[in-house]
Amino acid sequence: MGRSRPIGNTWVTDMRHYLDDAGAVADMPGPALNLAAFLGSIAAWVTSGRAAADQRTNVACRRSPGRRRCSGEILASFEADGETISWHCPVCGDHGVTRGWEGTPWDRRPRSARA
């Protein structure tokens, strides 16, 4: 019987939940701010246009299975709708989708491409 690999959580996030009423990153506890920074880094990479050529984001996986830092690098890209960012770690299996990044501090599209 083959050895199974644990699969991480599935994160379904809306980046607007990390913003205050003025559209700035909200004041929040450290763990939530760290998660916002992680997801925001993925969104920034994908919206910068670099993901079109290479899904490797240069964003380190944030998980620590068995109390050891995962060595994976997040892979991410737009889904077919052009609005949903799909990401995953090829090492530990952590994965998710991110929406609501448009017009946030993590939106790196050229201004001419923004609605």
Protein backbone atom coordinates (compact mmCIF):
# COMPACT_ATOMS: atom_id res chain seq x y z
CA MET A 1 0.00 0.00 0.00
CA GLY A 2 1.36 3.45 -0.95
CA ARG A 3 2.21 6.07 1.59
CA SER A 4 -0.38 8.83 1.79
CA ARG A 5 0.51 12.48 1.91
CA PRO A 6 -1.52 14.77 4.18
CA ILE A 7 -3.53 17.35 2.33
CA GLY A 8 -3.66 20.85 3.76
CA ASN A 9 -6.66 23.03 4.29
CA THR A 10 -8.60 24.48 1.41
CA TRP A 11 -8.66 28.25 1.76
CA VAL A 12 -11.51 30.17 0.12
CA THR A 13 -10.81 33.84 0.67
CA ASP A 14 -12.01 37.27 -0.32
CA MET A 15 -9.22 39.83 0.05
CA ARG A 16 -11.74 42.58 0.86
CA HIS A 17 -12.25 40.95 4.26
CA TYR A 18 -8.74 42.14 5.23
CA LEU A 19 -9.49 45.80 4.49
CA ASP A 20 -11.01 48.60 6.52
CA ASP A 21 -13.74 50.93 5.26
CA ALA A 22 -11.13 53.18 3.61
CA GLY A 23 -9.69 50.27 1.59
CA ALA A 24 -6.46 50.03 3.61
CA VAL A 25 -5.23 46.88 5.33
CA ALA A 26 -7.28 46.64 8.53
CA ASP A 27 -5.87 46.61 12.04
CA MET A 28 -6.05 42.93 13.00
CA PRO A 29 -4.30 40.39 15.23
CA GLY A 30 -0.89 39.11 14.11
CA PRO A 31 -2.04 35.70 12.79
CA ALA A 32 -4.74 37.31 10.64
CA LEU A 33 -2.29 39.93 9.38
CA ASN A 34 0.21 37.18 8.50
CA LEU A 35 -2.47 35.32 6.55
CA ALA A 36 -3.44 38.53 4.75
CA ALA A 37 0.22 39.13 3.85
CA PHE A 38 0.59 35.56 2.55
CA LEU A 39 -2.58 35.64 0.44
CA GLY A 40 -1.86 39.21 -0.65
CA SER A 41 1.59 38.19 -1.86
CA ILE A 42 0.02 35.51 -4.03
CA ALA A 43 -2.57 37.95 -5.40
CA ALA A 44 0.11 40.56 -6.11
CA TRP A 45 2.25 38.04 -7.98
CA VAL A 46 -0.58 36.77 -10.15
CA THR A 47 -2.03 40.22 -10.91
CA SER A 48 1.41 41.54 -11.85
CA GLY A 49 1.20 39.40 -15.00
CA ARG A 50 4.14 37.19 -14.09
CA ALA A 51 1.92 34.15 -13.53
CA ALA A 52 1.01 34.06 -17.22
CA ALA A 53 4.52 32.83 -18.05
CA ASP A 54 5.37 30.94 -14.85
CA GLN A 55 3.07 29.77 -12.05
CA ARG A 56 5.90 29.82 -9.48
CA THR A 57 5.17 32.78 -7.25
CA ASN A 58 8.33 33.12 -5.18
CA VAL A 59 5.99 32.94 -2.15
CA ALA A 60 7.06 30.38 0.43
CA CYS A 61 4.42 28.00 1.75
CA ARG A 62 3.25 29.07 5.19
CA ARG A 63 2.41 25.63 6.59
CA SER A 64 4.46 23.73 9.12
CA PRO A 65 3.30 20.10 8.99
CA GLY A 66 4.76 18.11 11.87
CA ARG A 67 6.19 21.40 13.25
CA ARG A 68 8.63 21.58 10.34
CA ARG A 69 8.41 24.45 7.89
CA CYS A 70 7.15 23.27 4.49
CA SER A 71 9.82 23.74 1.83
CA GLY A 72 7.29 24.36 -0.95
CA GLU A 73 6.86 27.40 -3.14
CA ILE A 74 3.30 28.39 -3.97
CA LEU A 75 2.12 27.91 -7.57
CA ALA A 76 -0.74 30.18 -8.64
CA SER A 77 -2.66 31.42 -11.66
CA PHE A 78 -5.98 32.87 -12.72
CA GLU A 79 -8.83 30.47 -13.28
CA ALA A 80 -10.71 30.69 -16.59
CA ASP A 81 -13.00 33.45 -15.26
CA GLY A 82 -10.00 35.81 -14.98
CA GLU A 83 -11.12 36.86 -11.50
CA THR A 84 -10.43 33.87 -9.29
CA ILE A 85 -6.85 33.13 -8.30
CA SER A 86 -6.18 29.45 -7.70
CA TRP A 87 -3.06 28.50 -5.72
CA HIS A 88 -1.44 25.44 -4.22
CA CYS A 89 1.74 24.11 -2.62
CA PRO A 90 3.10 21.14 -4.56
CA VAL A 91 4.94 19.85 -1.46
CA CYS A 92 2.32 19.76 1.32
CA GLY A 93 -0.88 20.11 -0.70
CA ASP A 94 -2.14 23.30 0.95
CA HIS A 95 -4.36 25.08 -1.56
CA GLY A 96 -7.11 27.57 -2.09
CA VAL A 97 -8.85 30.18 -4.19
CA THR A 98 -8.79 33.92 -3.71
CA ARG A 99 -11.34 36.42 -4.92
CA GLY A 100 -12.10 40.06 -4.22
CA TRP A 101 -8.55 41.26 -4.91
CA GLU A 102 -9.64 43.82 -7.54
CA GLY A 103 -8.84 47.36 -6.44
CA THR A 104 -7.14 46.25 -3.23
CA PRO A 105 -3.57 47.13 -2.23
CA TRP A 106 -2.56 43.74 -3.69
CA ASP A 107 -3.94 44.45 -7.18
CA ARG A 108 -0.84 44.91 -9.37
CA ARG A 109 -2.57 45.25 -12.73
CA PRO A 110 -1.68 48.35 -14.73
CA ARG A 111 -4.08 51.18 -13.93
CA SER A 112 -5.37 51.07 -17.52
CA ALA A 113 -6.57 47.47 -16.93
CA ARG A 114 -8.53 48.33 -13.78
CA ALA A 115 -12.24 49.03 -13.99
